[in-house]
Structure formats: C-alpha cells, structure tokens
Protein backbone atom coordinates (compact mmCIF):
# COMPACT_ATOMS: atom_id res chain seq x y z
CA MET A 1 84.48 -48.02 52.76
CA GLN A 2 80.85 -50.07 52.15
CA GLY A 3 78.81 -49.16 49.09
CA VAL A 4 75.94 -47.23 48.43
CA ALA A 5 74.01 -48.78 45.41
CA GLY A 6 70.39 -50.13 46.87
CA LYS A 7 70.79 -48.53 50.25
CA SER A 8 69.74 -44.78 51.29
CA ARG A 9 70.97 -42.84 54.00
CA ASN A 10 68.87 -40.34 55.91
CA THR A 11 69.44 -37.06 55.78
CA GLY A 12 67.64 -35.10 58.76
CA GLY A 13 64.01 -37.30 58.00
CA VAL A 14 64.36 -37.49 54.42
CA ARG A 15 65.35 -40.67 52.89
CA ILE A 16 66.94 -40.27 49.85
CA GLY A 17 67.92 -43.06 47.11
CA PRO A 18 65.99 -44.88 44.21
CA HIS A 19 62.83 -45.71 46.14
CA ALA A 20 62.76 -42.77 48.95
CA VAL A 21 59.62 -41.09 49.60
CA GLY A 22 60.00 -39.14 52.86
CA SER A 23 57.58 -36.94 54.48
CA GLY A 24 58.74 -34.21 52.43
CA SER A 25 58.76 -36.26 48.75
CA ASP A 26 55.02 -36.82 50.22
CA ASP A 27 54.18 -33.41 50.58
CA ALA A 28 55.34 -32.13 47.23
CA ILE A 29 53.35 -34.75 45.88
CA GLY A 30 50.77 -33.52 47.42
CA THR A 31 51.17 -30.08 45.89
CA LEU A 32 51.34 -31.09 42.98
CA ARG A 33 48.31 -33.49 43.08
CA ILE A 34 46.32 -30.40 44.47
CA GLY A 35 47.61 -27.75 41.77
CA ALA A 36 46.94 -30.89 38.75
CA ALA A 37 43.14 -30.81 40.47
CA ARG A 38 43.16 -26.97 40.65
CA PHE A 39 44.47 -26.72 36.83
CA LEU A 40 41.93 -29.39 35.54
CA MET A 41 39.33 -27.46 37.58
CA THR A 42 40.04 -24.14 36.19
CA ASN A 43 40.69 -25.34 32.31
CA HIS A 44 37.13 -27.15 32.49
CA PHE A 45 35.61 -23.99 34.29
CA SER A 46 36.94 -21.37 31.82
CA THR A 47 35.78 -24.14 28.96
CA ALA A 48 32.64 -23.93 30.56
CA LEU A 49 31.81 -20.32 30.71
CA SER A 50 33.46 -20.00 27.29
CA SER A 51 30.67 -21.90 25.80
CA THR A 52 28.05 -20.58 27.66
CA ARG A 53 29.32 -17.40 26.58
CA THR A 54 28.79 -18.46 22.86
CA GLY A 55 25.40 -19.80 22.73
CA LEU A 56 24.22 -16.96 24.63
CA LEU A 57 25.53 -14.37 21.80
CA SER A 58 24.01 -17.17 19.34
CA LEU A 59 20.89 -17.08 21.02
CA SER A 60 21.05 -13.03 21.14
CA VAL A 61 21.89 -12.80 17.46
CA THR A 62 19.19 -15.28 16.39
CA VAL A 63 16.54 -12.96 18.15
CA ALA A 64 17.51 -10.52 16.49
CA VAL A 65 16.94 -12.23 13.60
CA VAL A 66 13.88 -13.37 13.87
CA ALA A 67 12.88 -10.15 15.48
CA ALA A 68 14.03 -8.14 12.20
CA CYS A 69 12.37 -10.63 9.82
CA ALA A 70 9.20 -10.50 12.01
CA GLY A 71 9.68 -6.37 10.71
CA ALA A 72 10.19 -6.70 7.26
CA SER A 73 7.15 -9.09 6.77
CA GLY A 74 4.91 -6.45 8.48
CA GLY A 75 3.76 -8.06 11.67
CA SER A 76 2.05 -6.57 13.98
CA THR A 77 2.87 -2.85 14.80
CA GLY A 78 3.92 -2.10 18.04
CA SER A 79 3.49 1.21 20.26
CA PRO A 80 6.01 2.59 22.19
CA GLY A 81 4.25 1.26 25.67
CA GLY A 82 4.12 -2.47 24.17
CA ALA A 83 -0.08 -2.35 23.39
CA THR A 84 -1.10 -3.20 19.81
CA GLN A 85 -1.43 -0.09 18.16
CA ALA A 86 -5.61 0.09 16.57
CA PRO A 87 -5.23 1.05 12.80
CA GLY A 88 -6.53 4.13 11.60
CA PRO A 89 -9.00 4.68 10.08
CA SER A 90 -9.50 3.23 6.36
CA SER A 91 -9.96 6.00 3.16
CA PRO A 92 -13.17 7.23 2.75
CA LYS A 93 -13.72 5.13 -0.39
CA GLN A 94 -15.86 6.61 -3.77
CA SER A 95 -19.40 5.80 -3.18
CA GLY A 96 -21.73 5.30 -6.90
CA ALA A 97 -18.73 5.99 -8.67
CA CYS A 98 -20.21 8.22 -11.37
CA PRO A 99 -20.55 5.55 -14.48
CA VAL A 100 -19.55 8.43 -17.81
CA THR A 101 -21.34 7.83 -20.80
CA ILE A 102 -18.15 6.91 -23.79
CA ALA A 103 -18.70 8.14 -26.97
CA ASN A 104 -19.66 5.80 -29.24
CA GLY A 105 -18.02 7.19 -32.43
CA SER A 106 -21.49 7.32 -34.20
CA VAL A 107 -21.27 10.46 -36.98
CA PRO A 108 -24.69 11.99 -37.08
CA PRO A 109 -25.62 12.37 -40.87
CA GLY A 110 -24.59 14.63 -43.21
CA GLU A 111 -21.13 14.77 -41.32
CA THR A 112 -17.84 13.60 -41.94
CA MET A 113 -16.16 13.81 -39.25
CA VAL A 114 -16.98 15.12 -35.14
CA PRO A 115 -14.78 15.03 -32.06
CA ASN A 116 -15.82 12.58 -30.02
CA ALA A 117 -19.78 11.98 -31.59
CA HIS A 118 -22.57 9.57 -29.90
CA GLY A 119 -25.87 8.87 -30.83
CA ASN A 120 -27.91 5.90 -31.39
CA GLY A 121 -29.59 6.38 -35.06
CA TYR A 122 -32.20 9.14 -33.95
CA LEU A 123 -30.37 11.71 -31.73
CA TRP A 124 -26.70 12.28 -31.64
CA THR A 125 -24.42 15.18 -29.98
CA ALA A 126 -20.71 15.45 -28.91
CA LEU A 127 -19.49 14.94 -25.80
CA TRP A 128 -16.51 15.20 -23.95
CA PRO A 129 -13.30 13.24 -23.61
CA GLU A 130 -13.77 10.99 -21.86
CA GLY A 131 -17.04 11.92 -19.79
CA LYS A 132 -15.84 14.72 -18.32
CA VAL A 133 -16.43 18.35 -18.74
CA VAL A 134 -13.71 20.88 -17.83
CA ALA A 135 -14.24 24.07 -16.97
CA SER A 136 -14.16 27.36 -15.32
CA PRO A 137 -17.26 27.86 -12.96
CA ASN A 138 -19.06 30.81 -13.28
CA PRO A 139 -19.34 33.83 -10.74
CA ASP A 140 -22.41 31.81 -8.83
CA GLY A 141 -20.13 28.54 -9.08
CA SER A 142 -21.95 26.91 -11.88
CA ILE A 143 -19.91 25.97 -15.08
CA SER A 144 -21.57 26.55 -18.78
CA MET A 145 -20.60 24.56 -21.67
CA LYS A 146 -22.07 24.29 -25.35
CA PHE A 147 -23.45 20.85 -26.52
CA PRO A 148 -24.55 20.34 -30.40
CA TRP A 149 -27.23 18.26 -31.18
CA TRP A 150 -28.83 16.59 -34.43
CA ARG A 151 -31.90 15.23 -35.33
CA GLY A 152 -31.53 12.10 -37.37
CA ALA A 153 -33.79 11.55 -41.23
CA GLY A 154 -37.56 11.07 -39.38
CA VAL A 155 -36.98 12.75 -36.59
CA GLN A 156 -38.91 16.26 -36.12
CA GLY A 157 -39.45 18.21 -33.14
CA GLU A 158 -38.20 20.98 -31.31
CA LEU A 159 -35.27 19.96 -29.05
CA THR A 160 -35.65 19.74 -25.10
CA ILE A 161 -33.47 19.18 -22.50
CA SER A 162 -33.57 17.82 -19.44
CA GLY A 163 -30.52 16.94 -16.64
CA ARG A 164 -30.26 16.29 -12.47
CA ARG A 165 -27.58 15.50 -10.67
CA LEU A 166 -26.80 11.38 -9.72
CA ASP A 167 -24.32 11.33 -6.54
CA LYS A 168 -26.32 15.01 -4.55
CA PRO A 169 -28.96 16.76 -4.47
CA ALA A 170 -28.70 19.51 -6.49
CA ALA A 171 -30.92 22.43 -8.21
CA PRO A 172 -31.55 21.12 -12.00
CA LEU A 173 -29.62 21.90 -15.09
CA ARG A 174 -30.54 24.85 -17.44
CA ALA A 175 -31.10 24.90 -21.10
CA ASP A 176 -30.26 27.53 -23.23
CA ILE A 177 -31.76 26.32 -26.70
CA PRO A 178 -31.38 29.48 -29.52
CA PRO A 179 -34.58 29.49 -32.09
CA GLY A 180 -33.60 29.05 -35.53
CA TYR A 181 -32.54 26.23 -36.17
CA GLY A 182 -36.14 24.31 -37.50
CA MET A 183 -37.28 21.01 -36.52
CA THR A 184 -35.09 18.78 -38.44
CA GLY A 185 -31.34 18.26 -38.32
CA PHE A 186 -28.66 20.20 -36.49
CA GLN A 187 -29.20 22.24 -33.42
CA SER A 188 -27.09 24.15 -30.85
CA SER A 189 -27.53 24.18 -27.09
CA GLY A 190 -26.12 25.70 -23.80
CA LEU A 191 -26.15 23.75 -20.48
CA THR A 192 -25.34 25.10 -17.52
CA PHE A 193 -25.14 22.77 -14.31
CA PRO A 194 -25.52 24.50 -11.14
CA THR A 195 -22.90 22.58 -9.90
CA VAL A 196 -20.37 19.89 -10.09
CA GLY A 197 -20.87 16.79 -9.68
CA CYS A 198 -22.34 13.45 -11.90
CA TRP A 199 -25.05 14.45 -13.96
CA GLU A 200 -27.43 12.61 -16.01
CA ILE A 201 -28.90 14.79 -19.58
CA THR A 202 -31.31 13.71 -22.01
CA GLY A 203 -32.11 14.82 -25.16
CA ARG A 204 -35.88 15.11 -26.91
CA ALA A 205 -36.98 15.97 -30.19
CA GLY A 206 -40.25 14.70 -30.82
CA GLU A 207 -40.17 10.80 -30.53
CA ALA A 208 -37.02 10.64 -30.03
CA SER A 209 -34.30 10.66 -27.28
CA LEU A 210 -30.62 10.40 -25.89
CA THR A 211 -29.24 10.25 -22.67
CA PHE A 212 -25.58 9.84 -21.49
CA VAL A 213 -24.18 10.60 -18.36
CA THR A 214 -20.72 12.77 -17.52
CA LEU A 215 -18.77 14.14 -14.76
CA VAL A 216 -18.71 18.29 -14.44
CA ILE A 217 -15.58 19.17 -12.53
C-alpha cells in the first residue's frame, strides 16, 4: 500500500493535495479576487456618496443661516421678482415748527397768583399751557379766546393787540378790547383767530409792548 503523504492525486483534472492549485482552484481564487475588488469599490463609492451628501447638507444649512442673518440685519428688501424694491416716499416733515412761547412765570404787579403768567416788566398776560390754544371753532371756522393783560407801573395808554399767522397766509387776528378799564392796570381782551395755525400776538400800551407765539389747534 502506497502512502499518500506529500503526494497528490488527480481527480478529474483537479489536483488535491497540500499544494494543489488545479484549474478549478484558479477560477475560485479569481472569483474571490473580483468579489473583493467589487466590495472595496462599492464600499468606497458608498462612503464617498455619504460624504458628498453630508457636505451638501452642511452647505444648505450654512446658506440658510446666512440668509436668515441677512434678513434679520435689515438688508435690502427684494421684490417678488427678485429686483431691489425702491424705497417709498418719506413722511413729510413739519416745515418750520411753531416756536411757541412758554410762560416765564412773571407775575404782574398787584397779583399773587396767575396761572401761566408771562411778562417783561412792562406788560403781562396769561398764556395757555404749553403755548397751545385749544378751543371749539365758531360756525365760520374761527377760534375765539379771552386773554387778560396788565400794564406795569409807569405804563399808560390804551391797549392795542395785533396778530399774524406765521406758518401760512391768513386774515389778520381780530381783537375785542372792551372799554371801561382805564389807561392803566388790568385790561381784558377777546382774541379771534381766523384759522388754526401758528400765530404771533403783540400787545401794546404807550411805549411798552409784549409779543408771544401760540399754536391754535
């Protein structure tokens, strides 16, 4: 009986033994090599595709964050068509705001308390709070209001009052100065403003005069 150690036998074209590499073995090894190569290529492609998708997702998130920040910071406003929208007309500004006179608190002689008193040491009157005359209009649209006046010591003469609108053309102020108060001291008056607006009023008595500006609304 012959030993089989270290030998091989032929079994239909395939050598079986410790070092046998018959034609069937070559095909199997080739198949394994091709399969391994395909696996490596498939794995590499999947990894690359996953990285590409991750990169695109990160890019999309970055673009969205940048766009949101630009919108929050007040960037240019675009129209639905993508063109830059032209800014709208600005609100009209008040041209030459009325420089109303605020009462200086000077109390006329012989009086202890006069709300909103205003004077210059020669003539005095009482102004409306914040320099604004607020009253219901007459049927013709004019506004009438009473103003007290005081003539200081040494000032004598009949009181006269004139007025003009500063912000727009208008008819002159009408003043009603009732008689019976004499030429010194206190004098009442009624002023009629033809329209609302910014008005400059001047009272005169003798050589003295007092001017103030009021807003009629």
